[in-house]
């Protein structure tokens, strides 16, 4: 959390997703989802996001950098669209 208001908003969105996951997990487990699967998905998503942000920030290829920036923005928009009021 490094850049003030944008980071604070990101932290709020993460907390909202954590709340959604917590609310859905009991039903997901009852349906047969293994208990650790949500954690596995979160870790995989975090790693994929880190790779994308590294490319968007540090790539020496301008086209690759631009594609990574666009992909990151698209994914962020998708996540924000899921959250009510975002």
N, C-alpha and C. Protein backbone atom coordinates (compact mmCIF):
# COMPACT_ATOMS: atom_id res chain seq x y z
N UNK A 1 0.85 -1.16 0.00
CA UNK A 1 0.00 0.00 0.00
C UNK A 1 0.90 1.23 0.00
N UNK A 2 1.12 1.76 -1.19
CA UNK A 2 2.15 2.77 -1.30
C UNK A 2 1.69 4.12 -1.81
N UNK A 3 0.58 4.22 -2.48
CA UNK A 3 0.29 5.49 -3.14
C UNK A 3 -1.00 6.15 -2.67
N UNK A 4 -1.20 6.19 -1.38
CA UNK A 4 -2.29 6.95 -0.81
C UNK A 4 -3.68 6.46 -1.15
N UNK A 5 -4.55 7.36 -1.63
CA UNK A 5 -5.96 7.02 -1.86
C UNK A 5 -6.18 5.81 -2.76
N UNK A 6 -5.39 5.66 -3.81
CA UNK A 6 -5.58 4.50 -4.70
C UNK A 6 -5.29 3.21 -3.94
N UNK A 7 -4.27 3.22 -3.10
CA UNK A 7 -3.95 2.03 -2.32
C UNK A 7 -5.02 1.75 -1.27
N UNK A 8 -5.56 2.81 -0.69
CA UNK A 8 -6.63 2.64 0.28
C UNK A 8 -7.86 2.04 -0.38
N UNK A 9 -8.17 2.48 -1.59
CA UNK A 9 -9.31 1.92 -2.31
C UNK A 9 -9.05 0.46 -2.65
N UNK A 10 -7.84 0.14 -3.06
CA UNK A 10 -7.49 -1.25 -3.35
C UNK A 10 -7.65 -2.11 -2.11
N UNK A 11 -7.22 -1.61 -0.97
CA UNK A 11 -7.36 -2.36 0.29
C UNK A 11 -8.84 -2.57 0.62
N UNK A 12 -9.67 -1.56 0.38
CA UNK A 12 -11.11 -1.70 0.63
C UNK A 12 -11.72 -2.75 -0.30
N UNK A 13 -11.31 -2.72 -1.57
CA UNK A 13 -11.84 -3.71 -2.52
C UNK A 13 -11.40 -5.12 -2.13
N UNK A 14 -10.16 -5.27 -1.70
CA UNK A 14 -9.69 -6.59 -1.27
C UNK A 14 -10.51 -7.07 -0.08
N UNK A 15 -10.77 -6.19 0.86
CA UNK A 15 -11.58 -6.56 2.03
C UNK A 15 -12.98 -6.98 1.61
N UNK A 16 -13.54 -6.29 0.61
CA UNK A 16 -14.87 -6.66 0.12
C UNK A 16 -14.85 -8.05 -0.51
N UNK A 17 -13.81 -8.34 -1.31
CA UNK A 17 -13.70 -9.67 -1.90
C UNK A 17 -13.52 -10.74 -0.82
N UNK A 18 -12.72 -10.42 0.21
CA UNK A 18 -12.56 -11.37 1.31
C UNK A 18 -13.90 -11.66 1.98
N UNK A 19 -14.72 -10.63 2.15
CA UNK A 19 -16.05 -10.82 2.74
C UNK A 19 -16.93 -11.69 1.85
N UNK A 20 -16.87 -11.45 0.54
CA UNK A 20 -17.66 -12.26 -0.40
C UNK A 20 -17.24 -13.72 -0.33
N UNK A 21 -15.94 -13.96 -0.33
CA UNK A 21 -15.43 -15.33 -0.26
C UNK A 21 -15.87 -15.99 1.04
N UNK A 22 -15.74 -15.26 2.15
CA UNK A 22 -16.15 -15.82 3.45
C UNK A 22 -17.64 -16.16 3.46
N UNK A 23 -18.45 -15.32 2.83
CA UNK A 23 -19.89 -15.58 2.79
C UNK A 23 -20.24 -16.77 1.92
N UNK A 24 -19.49 -16.98 0.86
CA UNK A 24 -19.80 -18.06 -0.09
C UNK A 24 -19.22 -19.42 0.29
N UNK A 25 -18.16 -19.43 1.07
CA UNK A 25 -17.47 -20.70 1.33
C UNK A 25 -18.32 -21.77 2.01
N UNK A 26 -19.17 -21.44 2.99
CA UNK A 26 -19.97 -22.52 3.58
C UNK A 26 -20.82 -23.26 2.55
N UNK A 27 -21.47 -22.53 1.66
CA UNK A 27 -22.27 -23.18 0.63
C UNK A 27 -21.39 -23.92 -0.37
N UNK A 28 -20.25 -23.34 -0.70
CA UNK A 28 -19.33 -24.00 -1.63
C UNK A 28 -18.82 -25.31 -1.06
N UNK A 29 -18.50 -25.32 0.23
CA UNK A 29 -18.05 -26.56 0.88
C UNK A 29 -19.18 -27.59 0.90
N UNK A 30 -20.39 -27.13 1.20
CA UNK A 30 -21.54 -28.03 1.22
C UNK A 30 -21.79 -28.63 -0.16
N UNK A 31 -21.45 -27.89 -1.19
CA UNK A 31 -21.62 -28.35 -2.57
C UNK A 31 -20.50 -29.30 -2.99
N UNK A 32 -19.42 -29.33 -2.20
CA UNK A 32 -18.34 -30.27 -2.49
C UNK A 32 -16.99 -29.64 -2.81
N UNK A 33 -16.89 -28.32 -2.75
CA UNK A 33 -15.61 -27.66 -3.01
C UNK A 33 -14.66 -27.95 -1.86
N UNK A 34 -13.46 -28.43 -2.15
CA UNK A 34 -12.49 -28.66 -1.06
C UNK A 34 -12.21 -27.36 -0.31
N UNK A 35 -12.05 -27.46 0.99
CA UNK A 35 -11.90 -26.28 1.83
C UNK A 35 -10.75 -25.37 1.46
N UNK A 36 -9.65 -25.92 0.96
CA UNK A 36 -8.48 -25.11 0.64
C UNK A 36 -8.52 -24.54 -0.77
N UNK A 37 -9.49 -24.92 -1.57
CA UNK A 37 -9.51 -24.52 -2.98
C UNK A 37 -9.56 -23.00 -3.14
N UNK A 38 -10.35 -22.32 -2.33
CA UNK A 38 -10.42 -20.86 -2.44
C UNK A 38 -9.06 -20.23 -2.16
N UNK A 39 -8.35 -20.76 -1.18
CA UNK A 39 -7.01 -20.25 -0.89
C UNK A 39 -6.07 -20.50 -2.07
N UNK A 40 -6.15 -21.67 -2.67
CA UNK A 40 -5.33 -21.98 -3.84
C UNK A 40 -5.62 -20.98 -4.95
N UNK A 41 -6.89 -20.71 -5.21
CA UNK A 41 -7.27 -19.75 -6.26
C UNK A 41 -6.74 -18.35 -5.93
N UNK A 42 -6.82 -17.95 -4.67
CA UNK A 42 -6.33 -16.63 -4.28
C UNK A 42 -4.82 -16.52 -4.51
N UNK A 43 -4.09 -17.55 -4.15
CA UNK A 43 -2.64 -17.54 -4.33
C UNK A 43 -2.29 -17.51 -5.81
N UNK A 44 -2.97 -18.32 -6.61
CA UNK A 44 -2.71 -18.33 -8.06
C UNK A 44 -3.01 -16.96 -8.67
N UNK A 45 -4.09 -16.34 -8.25
CA UNK A 45 -4.45 -15.02 -8.78
C UNK A 45 -3.42 -13.98 -8.37
N UNK A 46 -2.96 -14.05 -7.13
CA UNK A 46 -1.96 -13.10 -6.66
C UNK A 46 -0.66 -13.23 -7.45
N UNK A 47 -0.25 -14.46 -7.72
CA UNK A 47 0.97 -14.69 -8.49
C UNK A 47 0.81 -14.20 -9.93
N UNK A 48 -0.32 -14.48 -10.54
CA UNK A 48 -0.57 -14.02 -11.92
C UNK A 48 -0.58 -12.49 -11.97
N UNK A 49 -1.17 -11.87 -10.97
CA UNK A 49 -1.20 -10.41 -10.92
C UNK A 49 0.21 -9.85 -10.77
N UNK A 50 1.02 -10.47 -9.93
CA UNK A 50 2.39 -10.00 -9.73
C UNK A 50 3.19 -10.06 -11.03
N UNK A 51 3.04 -11.15 -11.77
CA UNK A 51 3.75 -11.28 -13.05
C UNK A 51 3.28 -10.20 -14.01
N UNK A 52 1.99 -9.99 -14.09
CA UNK A 52 1.44 -8.97 -14.99
C UNK A 52 1.95 -7.58 -14.61
N UNK A 53 1.95 -7.26 -13.33
CA UNK A 53 2.41 -5.94 -12.90
C UNK A 53 3.91 -5.77 -13.13
N UNK A 54 4.68 -6.83 -12.98
CA UNK A 54 6.12 -6.74 -13.28
C UNK A 54 6.33 -6.41 -14.75
N UNK A 55 5.58 -7.07 -15.62
CA UNK A 55 5.69 -6.77 -17.05
C UNK A 55 5.26 -5.34 -17.35
N UNK A 56 4.16 -4.93 -16.75
CA UNK A 56 3.64 -3.58 -17.00
C UNK A 56 4.59 -2.50 -16.50
N UNK A 57 5.36 -2.82 -15.49
CA UNK A 57 6.25 -1.83 -14.89
C UNK A 57 7.67 -1.88 -15.44
N UNK A 58 8.19 -3.09 -15.64
CA UNK A 58 9.62 -3.23 -15.92
C UNK A 58 9.98 -3.76 -17.30
N UNK A 59 9.00 -4.10 -18.12
CA UNK A 59 9.34 -4.66 -19.43
C UNK A 59 10.12 -3.64 -20.26
N UNK A 60 11.14 -4.13 -20.95
CA UNK A 60 11.92 -3.26 -21.84
C UNK A 60 11.31 -3.20 -23.24
N UNK A 61 10.34 -4.06 -23.50
CA UNK A 61 9.64 -4.07 -24.79
C UNK A 61 8.40 -3.18 -24.66
N UNK A 62 8.37 -2.04 -25.34
CA UNK A 62 7.23 -1.12 -25.20
C UNK A 62 5.88 -1.75 -25.51
N UNK A 63 5.82 -2.62 -26.52
CA UNK A 63 4.54 -3.26 -26.85
C UNK A 63 4.10 -4.22 -25.75
N UNK A 64 5.04 -5.00 -25.22
CA UNK A 64 4.71 -5.93 -24.13
C UNK A 64 4.28 -5.15 -22.89
N UNK A 65 4.95 -4.05 -22.64
CA UNK A 65 4.60 -3.22 -21.48
C UNK A 65 3.18 -2.67 -21.63
N UNK A 66 2.87 -2.17 -22.82
CA UNK A 66 1.54 -1.62 -23.08
C UNK A 66 0.46 -2.69 -22.97
N UNK A 67 0.72 -3.87 -23.53
CA UNK A 67 -0.26 -4.97 -23.43
C UNK A 67 -0.49 -5.36 -21.98
N UNK A 68 0.58 -5.42 -21.20
CA UNK A 68 0.44 -5.78 -19.79
C UNK A 68 -0.35 -4.71 -19.03
N UNK A 69 -0.10 -3.44 -19.34
CA UNK A 69 -0.85 -2.36 -18.69
C UNK A 69 -2.33 -2.44 -19.05
N UNK A 70 -2.62 -2.71 -20.31
CA UNK A 70 -4.02 -2.83 -20.74
C UNK A 70 -4.69 -4.04 -20.09
N UNK A 71 -3.98 -5.15 -20.02
CA UNK A 71 -4.53 -6.35 -19.39
C UNK A 71 -4.80 -6.11 -17.91
N UNK A 72 -3.88 -5.43 -17.24
CA UNK A 72 -4.06 -5.14 -15.82
C UNK A 72 -5.29 -4.25 -15.61
N UNK A 73 -5.44 -3.24 -16.45
CA UNK A 73 -6.60 -2.35 -16.34
C UNK A 73 -7.91 -3.10 -16.60
N UNK A 74 -7.89 -3.99 -17.59
CA UNK A 74 -9.08 -4.77 -17.90
C UNK A 74 -9.47 -5.66 -16.72
N UNK A 75 -8.49 -6.32 -16.12
CA UNK A 75 -8.79 -7.20 -14.99
C UNK A 75 -9.28 -6.40 -13.78
N UNK A 76 -8.67 -5.24 -13.57
CA UNK A 76 -9.12 -4.39 -12.48
C UNK A 76 -10.57 -3.95 -12.70
N UNK A 77 -10.90 -3.58 -13.91
CA UNK A 77 -12.27 -3.17 -14.24
C UNK A 77 -13.25 -4.32 -14.02
N UNK A 78 -12.85 -5.53 -14.39
CA UNK A 78 -13.72 -6.69 -14.18
C UNK A 78 -13.97 -6.92 -12.70
N UNK A 79 -12.92 -6.82 -11.90
CA UNK A 79 -13.08 -7.03 -10.46
C UNK A 79 -13.94 -5.94 -9.84
N UNK A 80 -13.72 -4.70 -10.26
CA UNK A 80 -14.53 -3.60 -9.72
C UNK A 80 -15.99 -3.75 -10.12
N UNK A 81 -16.24 -4.31 -11.29
CA UNK A 81 -17.61 -4.52 -11.73
C UNK A 81 -18.35 -5.54 -10.88
N UNK A 82 -17.63 -6.44 -10.26
CA UNK A 82 -18.24 -7.46 -9.41
C UNK A 82 -18.72 -6.84 -8.09
N UNK A 83 -17.99 -5.87 -7.61
CA UNK A 83 -18.30 -5.28 -6.31
C UNK A 83 -19.44 -4.27 -6.43
N UNK A 84 -20.38 -4.36 -5.54
CA UNK A 84 -21.47 -3.39 -5.51
C UNK A 84 -20.92 -2.03 -5.08
N UNK A 85 -21.28 -1.02 -5.80
CA UNK A 85 -20.84 0.32 -5.45
C UNK A 85 -19.44 0.66 -5.90
N UNK A 86 -18.80 -0.25 -6.63
CA UNK A 86 -17.43 0.05 -7.07
C UNK A 86 -17.45 0.74 -8.40
